[in-house]
Amino acid sequence: MNRREVFYSICGLAIQLLIFFGIQQLYKFGRGKAIAGKDIAFEHAYKVVRLEQSIGLYWETSIQHFVLTHARWLATVMNQYYISGYFPPVLVFFVWMFIFRRQYFPFVRDAFYLGNVAAMTIFFLFPCAPPRLLPPSYGFVDTLKEISGIDFYTNVKRLYPPNPYAAIPSMHVGYTFIVGFVLWRVLNKKFSFAFLLYPLTMWFTTIATGNHYIVDGVFGIMCICFGFTVVELYACLRKFDSSKYTPWPGYQRKFGKSRQYEPLSTVEVESVPTVTEPLEQMEDGGGDMVVEMDDLVASPNMQQGLHHLRPPSADTSVGLPRSVVEV
């Protein structure tokens, strides 16, 4: 790589970073603007709890109590992991993609941005209070505040007002999912599946710290999958080549491919009877054709042409219709 290519790569990376931080600021601004009333946010939270209880997924209090009882030190680690363990790795991941796997970068980047759009839409449509803000009767503990002394709404510096009622979806899980899943597919090594532990540990952390419900992580993953789906549909409609706009190696677009025209040599054409076929084998109307052929052969110009075409020693009765032989 010469100096010019290095310069262009650095400029391209700088532009992508500016776009990335710009999108993140818009995401945080939109999330802050999605603040709803306390009553509706808690009403939605109670609905989520009842939903999980009805399908047997209401395990949040059991998980949190287990961590606080048997591994309280782990709660302190998880508090720090929850704060700083999702955005910096995502930034490093996209820089690495741009430098070392640039052929997959545009697809993954676009899916990530659309996933953020889907998350902001849910924040506006379904504001929801996190478990740690529910009444004490539910048994949740705000581990960030009680153990680490961190208050998201006073101790953390923010450019935009925080939204305490943005539990669904959990983009902590969504962000880590796109990193772990894409690394697993892009590297495609023997132990690449270990990268899937990244979103799983973050998912467990969001539950153990009382910041999210179990279904929040499901919706976070769904937002990222929504981004991948929209980008893929767009690629199919625009008929992008799978080798140039793809999320990982070996990916083949299943539909929306460019139309492929068969070469002319492969087109089947109905057989047409030739002059060398016996005219008696033709279908109805063959008799009329024989008469027309007799008239044609009997013409002076045709006889002169046949005379020049016949080799001196050739058997003129081979391959010619009976009417021609009689002439």
Protein backbone atom coordinates (compact mmCIF):
# COMPACT_ATOMS: atom_id res chain seq x y z
CA MET A 1 0.00 0.00 0.00
CA ASN A 2 1.55 3.30 -1.10
CA ARG A 3 1.32 6.62 0.68
CA ARG A 4 -1.64 7.81 -1.34
CA GLU A 5 -3.66 4.71 -0.50
CA VAL A 6 -2.75 5.08 3.18
CA PHE A 7 -3.85 8.72 3.12
CA TYR A 8 -7.17 7.87 1.47
CA SER A 9 -7.75 5.05 3.97
CA ILE A 10 -7.14 7.38 6.91
CA CYS A 11 -9.49 9.99 5.45
CA GLY A 12 -12.13 7.34 4.82
CA LEU A 13 -11.84 6.06 8.38
CA ALA A 14 -12.13 9.59 9.75
CA ILE A 15 -15.28 10.20 7.72
CA GLN A 16 -16.81 6.93 8.91
CA LEU A 17 -16.01 7.79 12.54
CA LEU A 18 -17.64 11.20 12.16
CA ILE A 19 -20.76 9.56 10.73
CA PHE A 20 -20.70 6.96 13.49
CA PHE A 21 -20.52 9.53 16.29
CA GLY A 22 -23.12 11.67 14.54
CA ILE A 23 -25.56 8.76 14.39
CA GLN A 24 -24.88 7.97 18.05
CA GLN A 25 -25.62 11.55 19.07
CA LEU A 26 -28.87 11.47 17.10
CA TYR A 27 -29.72 8.17 18.78
CA LYS A 28 -29.10 9.60 22.26
CA PHE A 29 -30.98 12.78 21.40
CA GLY A 30 -33.96 10.80 20.13
CA ARG A 31 -33.88 8.50 23.14
CA GLY A 32 -33.90 11.54 25.44
CA LYS A 33 -36.82 13.07 23.56
CA ALA A 34 -38.79 9.83 23.95
CA ILE A 35 -39.32 10.43 27.66
CA ALA A 36 -42.93 9.66 28.50
CA GLY A 37 -45.03 10.09 31.61
CA LYS A 38 -44.19 8.02 34.66
CA ASP A 39 -47.61 6.42 34.83
CA ILE A 40 -47.60 5.01 31.30
CA ALA A 41 -43.98 3.83 31.66
CA PHE A 42 -44.79 1.87 34.83
CA GLU A 43 -48.00 0.54 33.31
CA HIS A 44 -45.96 -0.92 30.46
CA ALA A 45 -43.45 -2.33 32.96
CA TYR A 46 -46.22 -4.16 34.82
CA LYS A 47 -47.45 -5.56 31.51
CA VAL A 48 -43.97 -6.88 30.74
CA VAL A 49 -43.79 -8.57 34.16
CA ARG A 50 -47.19 -10.20 33.64
CA LEU A 51 -46.15 -11.33 30.17
CA GLU A 52 -42.99 -12.99 31.46
CA GLN A 53 -44.91 -14.60 34.31
CA SER A 54 -47.46 -16.02 31.88
CA ILE A 55 -44.78 -17.63 29.66
CA GLY A 56 -42.50 -18.70 32.49
CA LEU A 57 -39.63 -16.26 31.86
CA TYR A 58 -39.85 -14.16 34.99
CA TRP A 59 -36.41 -15.12 36.34
CA GLU A 60 -34.94 -11.65 36.93
CA THR A 61 -35.35 -11.54 40.72
CA SER A 62 -33.99 -15.09 41.14
CA ILE A 63 -30.91 -14.29 39.04
CA GLN A 64 -30.23 -11.04 40.86
CA HIS A 65 -30.70 -12.54 44.32
CA PHE A 66 -28.35 -15.42 43.45
CA VAL A 67 -25.59 -13.01 42.39
CA LEU A 68 -26.03 -10.76 45.44
CA THR A 69 -26.10 -13.71 47.82
CA HIS A 70 -23.31 -15.94 46.47
CA ALA A 71 -21.07 -13.60 44.45
CA ARG A 72 -21.51 -10.03 45.56
CA TRP A 73 -18.12 -9.14 44.13
CA LEU A 74 -19.49 -10.17 40.74
CA ALA A 75 -22.18 -7.52 41.03
CA THR A 76 -19.47 -4.84 41.30
CA VAL A 77 -17.74 -6.20 38.19
CA MET A 78 -21.03 -6.33 36.31
CA ASN A 79 -21.82 -2.73 37.19
CA GLN A 80 -18.61 -1.59 35.49
CA TYR A 81 -19.15 -4.01 32.62
CA TYR A 82 -22.64 -2.63 32.06
CA ILE A 83 -21.36 0.95 31.88
CA SER A 84 -18.22 0.55 29.77
CA GLY A 85 -18.39 -2.93 28.26
CA TYR A 86 -20.63 -2.28 25.29
CA PHE A 87 -19.92 0.99 23.47
CA PRO A 88 -16.06 1.04 23.37
CA PRO A 89 -15.86 -2.54 22.01
CA VAL A 90 -18.42 -1.63 19.35
CA LEU A 91 -16.29 1.31 18.26
CA VAL A 92 -13.15 -0.84 18.13
CA PHE A 93 -15.09 -3.48 16.20
CA PHE A 94 -16.14 -1.09 13.43
CA VAL A 95 -12.63 0.38 13.15
CA TRP A 96 -11.26 -3.14 12.81
CA MET A 97 -13.91 -3.98 10.19
CA PHE A 98 -13.03 -0.90 8.16
CA ILE A 99 -9.28 -1.63 8.21
CA PHE A 100 -9.13 -5.41 7.92
CA ARG A 101 -12.53 -6.54 6.57
CA ARG A 102 -13.62 -3.56 4.51
CA GLN A 103 -15.58 -5.67 2.02
CA TYR A 104 -18.08 -6.50 4.80
CA PHE A 105 -18.06 -3.10 6.50
CA PRO A 106 -20.80 -1.29 4.46
CA PHE A 107 -23.42 -4.01 4.96
CA VAL A 108 -22.81 -4.36 8.71
CA ARG A 109 -22.61 -0.59 9.21
CA ASP A 110 -25.93 0.03 7.46
CA ALA A 111 -27.63 -2.76 9.44
CA PHE A 112 -26.31 -1.25 12.68
CA TYR A 113 -27.67 2.20 11.85
CA LEU A 114 -31.09 0.83 10.93
CA GLY A 115 -31.15 -1.17 14.15
CA ASN A 116 -30.74 2.10 16.06
CA VAL A 117 -33.65 3.58 14.12
CA ALA A 118 -35.82 0.61 15.08
CA ALA A 119 -34.83 0.99 18.75
CA MET A 120 -35.69 4.71 18.80
CA THR A 121 -39.08 3.93 17.30
CA ILE A 122 -39.83 1.49 20.13
CA PHE A 123 -38.67 4.02 22.74
CA PHE A 124 -41.30 6.43 21.44
CA LEU A 125 -44.08 3.86 21.05
CA PHE A 126 -43.51 1.76 24.18
CA PRO A 127 -41.80 3.62 27.05
CA CYS A 128 -41.06 1.19 29.85
CA ALA A 129 -39.58 1.53 33.34
CA PRO A 130 -36.64 -0.79 34.14
CA PRO A 131 -36.89 -3.41 36.89
CA ARG A 132 -34.72 -1.44 39.34
CA LEU A 133 -37.32 1.36 39.43
CA LEU A 134 -40.26 -0.90 40.27
CA PRO A 135 -41.72 -0.82 43.80
CA PRO A 136 -39.76 -2.72 46.49
CA SER A 137 -42.49 -5.35 46.62
CA TYR A 138 -41.13 -6.76 43.32
CA GLY A 139 -37.79 -7.50 45.00
CA PHE A 140 -35.39 -5.74 42.60
CA VAL A 141 -32.20 -4.00 43.71
CA ASP A 142 -30.52 -1.10 41.90
CA THR A 143 -27.00 -2.56 42.07
CA LEU A 144 -25.42 0.43 40.33
CA LYS A 145 -26.63 2.77 43.07
CA GLU A 146 -26.63 0.47 46.11
CA ILE A 147 -23.28 -1.30 45.52
CA SER A 148 -21.19 0.94 43.25
CA GLY A 149 -22.71 4.29 44.21
CA ILE A 150 -23.45 5.17 40.57
CA ASP A 151 -26.61 7.08 39.76
CA PHE A 152 -27.28 7.18 36.04
CA TYR A 153 -29.21 10.41 36.36
CA THR A 154 -26.83 12.48 38.54
CA ASN A 155 -23.30 11.00 38.49
CA VAL A 156 -23.00 10.35 34.75
CA LYS A 157 -22.27 13.37 32.53
CA ARG A 158 -24.53 13.55 29.50
CA LEU A 159 -25.05 15.95 26.63
CA TYR A 160 -28.76 15.12 26.50
CA PRO A 161 -31.30 14.43 29.23
CA PRO A 162 -31.32 10.74 30.22
CA ASN A 163 -34.40 8.68 29.60
CA PRO A 164 -35.17 6.50 32.64
CA TYR A 165 -38.00 4.78 30.81
CA ALA A 166 -36.15 3.19 27.88
CA ALA A 167 -35.89 -0.40 29.10
CA ILE A 168 -37.23 -1.92 25.88
CA PRO A 169 -35.26 -2.72 23.80
CA SER A 170 -31.90 -3.36 25.45
CA MET A 171 -29.36 -2.04 22.99
CA HIS A 172 -26.62 -3.18 25.35
CA VAL A 173 -27.61 -6.63 24.12
CA GLY A 174 -28.24 -5.42 20.57
CA TYR A 175 -24.82 -3.76 20.20
CA THR A 176 -22.91 -6.68 21.66
CA PHE A 177 -24.93 -9.09 19.53
CA ILE A 178 -23.89 -7.51 16.24
CA VAL A 179 -20.24 -7.57 17.36
CA GLY A 180 -20.24 -11.17 18.55
CA PHE A 181 -22.34 -12.58 15.72
CA VAL A 182 -20.48 -10.85 12.88
CA LEU A 183 -17.06 -11.74 14.31
CA TRP A 184 -18.17 -15.35 14.54
CA ARG A 185 -19.22 -15.38 10.88
CA VAL A 186 -16.41 -13.22 9.47
CA LEU A 187 -13.48 -14.95 11.14
CA ASN A 188 -14.98 -18.42 10.61
CA LYS A 189 -12.33 -20.14 12.72
CA LYS A 190 -12.53 -23.23 14.88
CA PHE A 191 -13.26 -21.31 18.09
CA SER A 192 -14.94 -18.24 16.58
CA PHE A 193 -18.22 -19.24 18.23
CA ALA A 194 -16.66 -18.00 21.50
CA PHE A 195 -17.45 -14.45 20.36
CA LEU A 196 -21.11 -15.27 20.99
CA LEU A 197 -20.30 -15.25 24.69
CA TYR A 198 -19.97 -11.47 24.47
CA PRO A 199 -23.69 -10.75 23.94
CA LEU A 200 -24.67 -13.58 26.30
CA THR A 201 -22.60 -12.19 29.18
CA MET A 202 -23.93 -8.70 28.54
CA TRP A 203 -27.48 -10.05 28.49
CA PHE A 204 -26.89 -11.74 31.86
CA THR A 205 -25.36 -8.51 33.20
CA THR A 206 -28.36 -6.39 32.23
CA ILE A 207 -30.60 -8.79 34.15
CA ALA A 208 -28.39 -9.22 37.23
CA THR A 209 -27.96 -5.46 37.66
CA GLY A 210 -31.71 -4.85 37.47
CA ASN A 211 -31.52 -2.66 34.37
CA HIS A 212 -33.48 -4.81 31.93
CA TYR A 213 -36.00 -7.59 31.69
CA ILE A 214 -35.26 -10.80 29.84
CA VAL A 215 -37.49 -9.81 26.91
CA ASP A 216 -35.56 -6.54 26.56
CA GLY A 217 -32.59 -8.48 25.23
CA VAL A 218 -34.85 -10.31 22.79
CA PHE A 219 -36.09 -7.01 21.39
CA GLY A 220 -32.54 -5.66 21.21
CA ILE A 221 -31.51 -8.60 19.03
CA MET A 222 -34.65 -8.20 16.96
CA CYS A 223 -33.75 -4.56 16.23
CA ILE A 224 -30.38 -5.61 14.83
CA CYS A 225 -32.02 -8.42 12.83
CA PHE A 226 -34.48 -5.85 11.49
CA GLY A 227 -31.53 -3.77 10.27
CA PHE A 228 -29.97 -6.77 8.52
CA THR A 229 -33.31 -7.67 6.91
CA VAL A 230 -33.95 -4.18 5.53
CA VAL A 231 -30.42 -3.89 4.17
CA GLU A 232 -30.70 -7.29 2.51
CA LEU A 233 -34.06 -6.43 0.93
CA TYR A 234 -32.59 -3.21 -0.40
CA ALA A 235 -29.61 -5.11 -1.80
CA CYS A 236 -31.96 -7.55 -3.52
CA LEU A 237 -34.11 -4.81 -5.03
CA ARG A 238 -31.01 -3.02 -6.32
CA LYS A 239 -29.54 -6.38 -7.40
CA PHE A 240 -26.23 -5.83 -5.67
CA ASP A 241 -23.59 -8.46 -6.23
CA SER A 242 -23.25 -10.82 -3.25
CA SER A 243 -19.46 -10.65 -3.48
CA LYS A 244 -19.39 -6.83 -3.20
CA TYR A 245 -22.15 -6.07 -0.66
CA THR A 246 -22.24 -8.87 1.86
CA PRO A 247 -22.12 -9.25 5.67
CA TRP A 248 -19.67 -12.17 5.87
CA PRO A 249 -17.69 -14.62 3.70
CA GLY A 250 -19.56 -17.15 1.62
CA TYR A 251 -22.87 -15.29 1.79
CA GLN A 252 -25.01 -15.83 -1.29
CA ARG A 253 -28.07 -13.76 -2.07
CA LYS A 254 -31.08 -16.07 -2.42
CA PHE A 255 -33.35 -13.85 -4.48
CA GLY A 256 -33.35 -10.63 -6.41
CA LYS A 257 -30.40 -11.65 -8.57
CA SER A 258 -29.72 -9.98 -11.87
CA ARG A 259 -31.51 -11.65 -14.72
CA GLN A 260 -29.32 -14.13 -16.54
CA TYR A 261 -29.95 -14.63 -20.25
CA GLU A 262 -29.21 -18.04 -21.77
CA PRO A 263 -26.88 -18.11 -24.75
CA LEU A 264 -28.53 -18.63 -28.10
CA SER A 265 -26.94 -22.06 -28.55
CA THR A 266 -28.93 -23.45 -25.62
CA VAL A 267 -32.33 -22.37 -26.89
CA GLU A 268 -34.44 -25.24 -28.13
CA VAL A 269 -35.91 -24.72 -31.58
CA GLU A 270 -38.54 -26.92 -33.18
CA SER A 271 -37.12 -29.12 -35.90
CA VAL A 272 -37.90 -27.98 -39.41
CA PRO A 273 -38.18 -30.53 -42.19
CA THR A 274 -35.30 -30.33 -44.66
CA VAL A 275 -35.20 -31.12 -48.35
CA THR A 276 -33.38 -34.39 -47.66
CA GLU A 277 -36.36 -35.79 -45.70
CA PRO A 278 -38.76 -37.88 -47.76
CA LEU A 279 -41.73 -35.76 -48.59
CA GLU A 280 -44.05 -38.75 -48.09
CA GLN A 281 -43.41 -38.49 -44.29
CA MET A 282 -44.79 -34.98 -44.08
CA GLU A 283 -48.18 -34.34 -42.57
CA ASP A 284 -51.37 -33.53 -44.43
CA GLY A 285 -50.78 -31.20 -47.31
CA GLY A 286 -47.60 -33.00 -48.37
CA GLY A 287 -49.09 -33.81 -51.77
CA ASP A 288 -49.50 -30.19 -52.62
CA MET A 289 -45.93 -29.58 -51.59
CA VAL A 290 -44.71 -32.35 -53.92
CA VAL A 291 -46.49 -30.72 -56.82
CA GLU A 292 -44.97 -27.39 -55.98
CA MET A 293 -41.54 -29.00 -55.72
CA ASP A 294 -42.01 -30.71 -59.13
CA ASP A 295 -42.87 -27.38 -60.70
CA LEU A 296 -39.88 -25.78 -59.04
CA VAL A 297 -37.42 -28.47 -60.17
CA ALA A 298 -38.85 -28.46 -63.70
CA SER A 299 -37.99 -24.79 -64.14
CA PRO A 300 -34.96 -24.14 -66.39
CA ASN A 301 -33.12 -22.10 -63.73
CA MET A 302 -33.45 -24.87 -61.13
CA GLN A 303 -32.24 -27.55 -63.54
CA GLN A 304 -29.17 -25.50 -64.40
CA GLY A 305 -28.42 -25.02 -60.68
CA LEU A 306 -28.78 -28.74 -59.95
CA HIS A 307 -26.47 -29.58 -62.85
CA HIS A 308 -23.68 -27.48 -61.35
CA LEU A 309 -24.22 -28.88 -57.84
CA ARG A 310 -24.05 -32.59 -58.78
CA PRO A 311 -20.57 -34.13 -58.59
CA PRO A 312 -19.65 -36.18 -61.64
CA SER A 313 -19.49 -39.52 -59.81
CA ALA A 314 -22.16 -38.89 -57.18
CA ASP A 315 -25.23 -41.02 -56.84
CA THR A 316 -27.96 -38.49 -57.48
CA SER A 317 -30.60 -40.77 -56.00
CA VAL A 318 -29.15 -40.52 -52.48
CA GLY A 319 -30.80 -38.02 -50.18
CA LEU A 320 -33.06 -36.41 -52.82
CA PRO A 321 -36.82 -36.57 -52.95
CA ARG A 322 -38.41 -38.91 -55.45
CA SER A 323 -39.67 -36.02 -57.56
CA VAL A 324 -36.12 -34.71 -57.94
CA VAL A 325 -34.74 -38.10 -58.92
CA GLU A 326 -37.39 -38.53 -61.59
CA VAL A 327 -36.28 -35.29 -63.19
